[in-house]
Amino acid sequence: MAAAEDFATERSCLLIEVTSLRSRAGAHAFYRRLGFTDVCDRSGRFVKELAWGQRASVDQDDLPG
């Protein structure tokens, strides 16, 4: 996720979005821990606003599985 956020930030993107099946509760918890907000009731659609110089911070304990 850090690499994806860095890639997007370097290209002046304002937000990043990921989607996931509603049944993937572990993935949804992971995205929320990274600062994503679920914006859709029907499907797992998570959005995070990016700021210049912002980078994802992930501990190994946060990884699903």
N, C-alpha and C. Protein backbone atom coordinates (compact mmCIF):
# COMPACT_ATOMS: atom_id res chain seq x y z
N MET A 1 0.82 -1.18 0.00
CA MET A 1 0.00 0.00 0.00
C MET A 1 0.87 1.26 0.00
N ALA A 2 1.99 1.21 0.70
CA ALA A 2 2.87 2.38 0.73
C ALA A 2 3.35 2.73 -0.68
N ALA A 3 3.72 1.72 -1.45
CA ALA A 3 4.19 1.96 -2.81
C ALA A 3 3.09 2.54 -3.68
N ALA A 4 1.87 2.04 -3.53
CA ALA A 4 0.74 2.57 -4.31
C ALA A 4 0.44 4.02 -3.94
N GLU A 5 0.48 4.33 -2.65
CA GLU A 5 0.23 5.71 -2.21
C GLU A 5 1.35 6.64 -2.67
N ASP A 6 2.58 6.18 -2.59
CA ASP A 6 3.71 6.98 -3.09
C ASP A 6 3.57 7.25 -4.58
N PHE A 7 3.23 6.20 -5.34
CA PHE A 7 3.05 6.32 -6.78
C PHE A 7 1.97 7.36 -7.10
N ALA A 8 0.85 7.28 -6.40
CA ALA A 8 -0.25 8.22 -6.64
C ALA A 8 0.13 9.65 -6.24
N THR A 9 0.79 9.79 -5.10
CA THR A 9 1.19 11.11 -4.63
C THR A 9 2.19 11.77 -5.58
N GLU A 10 3.13 10.98 -6.09
CA GLU A 10 4.13 11.51 -7.03
C GLU A 10 3.49 12.00 -8.32
N ARG A 11 2.30 11.50 -8.62
CA ARG A 11 1.60 11.89 -9.84
C ARG A 11 0.47 12.88 -9.57
N SER A 12 0.54 13.52 -8.41
CA SER A 12 -0.40 14.58 -8.00
C SER A 12 -1.84 14.11 -7.85
N CYS A 13 -2.03 12.83 -7.55
CA CYS A 13 -3.38 12.33 -7.28
C CYS A 13 -3.85 12.87 -5.92
N LEU A 14 -5.14 13.12 -5.83
CA LEU A 14 -5.71 13.66 -4.61
C LEU A 14 -6.28 12.59 -3.70
N LEU A 15 -6.59 11.42 -4.26
CA LEU A 15 -7.10 10.33 -3.44
C LEU A 15 -6.76 9.00 -4.09
N ILE A 16 -6.92 7.96 -3.30
CA ILE A 16 -6.71 6.61 -3.77
C ILE A 16 -7.94 5.80 -3.36
N GLU A 17 -8.36 4.88 -4.22
CA GLU A 17 -9.55 4.08 -3.96
C GLU A 17 -9.24 2.60 -4.17
N VAL A 18 -9.75 1.77 -3.27
CA VAL A 18 -9.65 0.33 -3.42
C VAL A 18 -11.05 -0.26 -3.27
N THR A 19 -11.27 -1.39 -3.90
CA THR A 19 -12.56 -2.08 -3.77
C THR A 19 -12.33 -3.50 -3.29
N SER A 20 -13.34 -4.03 -2.63
CA SER A 20 -13.24 -5.36 -2.06
C SER A 20 -14.64 -5.95 -1.90
N LEU A 21 -14.75 -7.26 -2.03
CA LEU A 21 -16.04 -7.90 -1.79
C LEU A 21 -16.50 -7.64 -0.36
N ARG A 22 -17.79 -7.47 -0.17
CA ARG A 22 -18.35 -7.23 1.17
C ARG A 22 -18.00 -8.35 2.14
N SER A 23 -17.79 -9.54 1.66
CA SER A 23 -17.52 -10.68 2.53
C SER A 23 -16.10 -10.69 3.10
N ARG A 24 -15.23 -9.78 2.67
CA ARG A 24 -13.83 -9.78 3.10
C ARG A 24 -13.59 -8.85 4.28
N ALA A 25 -14.14 -9.23 5.42
CA ALA A 25 -14.08 -8.38 6.63
C ALA A 25 -12.64 -8.07 7.05
N GLY A 26 -11.75 -9.04 6.92
CA GLY A 26 -10.35 -8.80 7.31
C GLY A 26 -9.69 -7.75 6.45
N ALA A 27 -9.97 -7.78 5.15
CA ALA A 27 -9.42 -6.77 4.24
C ALA A 27 -9.98 -5.40 4.57
N HIS A 28 -11.26 -5.34 4.91
CA HIS A 28 -11.89 -4.06 5.23
C HIS A 28 -11.29 -3.45 6.49
N ALA A 29 -11.03 -4.28 7.49
CA ALA A 29 -10.39 -3.80 8.71
C ALA A 29 -8.99 -3.29 8.40
N PHE A 30 -8.27 -3.98 7.54
CA PHE A 30 -6.93 -3.56 7.13
C PHE A 30 -6.97 -2.18 6.47
N TYR A 31 -7.89 -1.98 5.53
CA TYR A 31 -8.00 -0.68 4.86
C TYR A 31 -8.36 0.43 5.84
N ARG A 32 -9.25 0.14 6.78
CA ARG A 32 -9.62 1.15 7.78
C ARG A 32 -8.41 1.53 8.64
N ARG A 33 -7.60 0.54 9.03
CA ARG A 33 -6.40 0.84 9.83
C ARG A 33 -5.43 1.74 9.08
N LEU A 34 -5.45 1.67 7.75
CA LEU A 34 -4.58 2.51 6.93
C LEU A 34 -5.18 3.88 6.64
N GLY A 35 -6.37 4.14 7.19
CA GLY A 35 -6.97 5.46 7.03
C GLY A 35 -7.99 5.58 5.92
N PHE A 36 -8.39 4.46 5.32
CA PHE A 36 -9.40 4.48 4.27
C PHE A 36 -10.80 4.54 4.89
N THR A 37 -11.73 5.16 4.16
CA THR A 37 -13.12 5.26 4.58
C THR A 37 -13.99 4.48 3.60
N ASP A 38 -14.89 3.66 4.13
CA ASP A 38 -15.83 2.91 3.30
C ASP A 38 -16.93 3.87 2.85
N VAL A 39 -17.10 4.02 1.54
CA VAL A 39 -18.02 5.04 1.02
C VAL A 39 -19.22 4.45 0.27
N CYS A 40 -19.41 3.13 0.34
CA CYS A 40 -20.51 2.50 -0.42
C CYS A 40 -21.17 1.43 0.44
N ASP A 41 -22.51 1.43 0.47
CA ASP A 41 -23.23 0.44 1.25
C ASP A 41 -23.29 -0.93 0.58
N ARG A 42 -23.30 -0.98 -0.75
CA ARG A 42 -23.49 -2.23 -1.46
C ARG A 42 -22.21 -3.02 -1.67
N SER A 43 -21.10 -2.34 -1.90
CA SER A 43 -19.83 -3.03 -2.11
C SER A 43 -18.77 -2.37 -1.25
N GLY A 44 -17.67 -3.08 -1.04
CA GLY A 44 -16.57 -2.50 -0.26
C GLY A 44 -15.78 -1.53 -1.13
N ARG A 45 -16.08 -0.28 -0.99
CA ARG A 45 -15.39 0.77 -1.76
C ARG A 45 -14.75 1.73 -0.75
N PHE A 46 -13.44 1.71 -0.69
CA PHE A 46 -12.70 2.46 0.31
C PHE A 46 -11.88 3.57 -0.35
N VAL A 47 -11.97 4.77 0.21
CA VAL A 47 -11.30 5.94 -0.35
C VAL A 47 -10.44 6.57 0.73
N LYS A 48 -9.29 7.08 0.31
CA LYS A 48 -8.39 7.80 1.22
C LYS A 48 -7.85 9.01 0.50
N GLU A 49 -8.01 10.18 1.13
CA GLU A 49 -7.43 11.40 0.57
C GLU A 49 -5.94 11.39 0.80
N LEU A 50 -5.19 11.84 -0.19
CA LEU A 50 -3.74 11.89 -0.09
C LEU A 50 -3.27 13.32 0.11
N ALA A 51 -2.20 13.47 0.84
CA ALA A 51 -1.59 14.78 1.04
C ALA A 51 -0.14 14.69 0.57
N TRP A 52 0.39 15.79 0.11
CA TRP A 52 1.79 15.81 -0.33
C TRP A 52 2.68 15.35 0.80
N GLY A 53 3.59 14.44 0.48
CA GLY A 53 4.53 13.95 1.47
C GLY A 53 3.98 12.86 2.37
N GLN A 54 2.71 12.51 2.20
CA GLN A 54 2.09 11.48 3.02
C GLN A 54 2.49 10.11 2.51
N ARG A 55 2.72 9.20 3.42
CA ARG A 55 3.08 7.84 3.04
C ARG A 55 2.39 6.86 3.97
N ALA A 56 2.00 5.74 3.43
CA ALA A 56 1.36 4.70 4.25
C ALA A 56 2.37 4.14 5.24
N SER A 57 1.90 3.84 6.42
CA SER A 57 2.73 3.20 7.43
C SER A 57 2.07 1.89 7.82
N VAL A 58 2.74 0.79 7.55
CA VAL A 58 2.16 -0.52 7.80
C VAL A 58 3.12 -1.36 8.61
N ASP A 59 2.64 -1.88 9.73
CA ASP A 59 3.40 -2.85 10.51
C ASP A 59 3.07 -4.23 10.00
N GLN A 60 3.98 -5.16 10.14
CA GLN A 60 3.73 -6.54 9.71
C GLN A 60 2.49 -7.11 10.40
N ASP A 61 2.22 -6.68 11.65
CA ASP A 61 1.06 -7.17 12.39
C ASP A 61 -0.25 -6.72 11.77
N ASP A 62 -0.23 -5.66 10.96
CA ASP A 62 -1.44 -5.15 10.33
C ASP A 62 -1.84 -5.90 9.07
N LEU A 63 -0.94 -6.72 8.54
CA LEU A 63 -1.22 -7.41 7.29
C LEU A 63 -2.26 -8.51 7.49
N PRO A 64 -3.23 -8.61 6.56
CA PRO A 64 -4.25 -9.65 6.71
C PRO A 64 -3.66 -11.04 6.51
N GLY A 65 -4.32 -12.02 7.10
CA GLY A 65 -3.96 -13.39 6.82
C GLY A 65 -3.21 -14.03 7.88
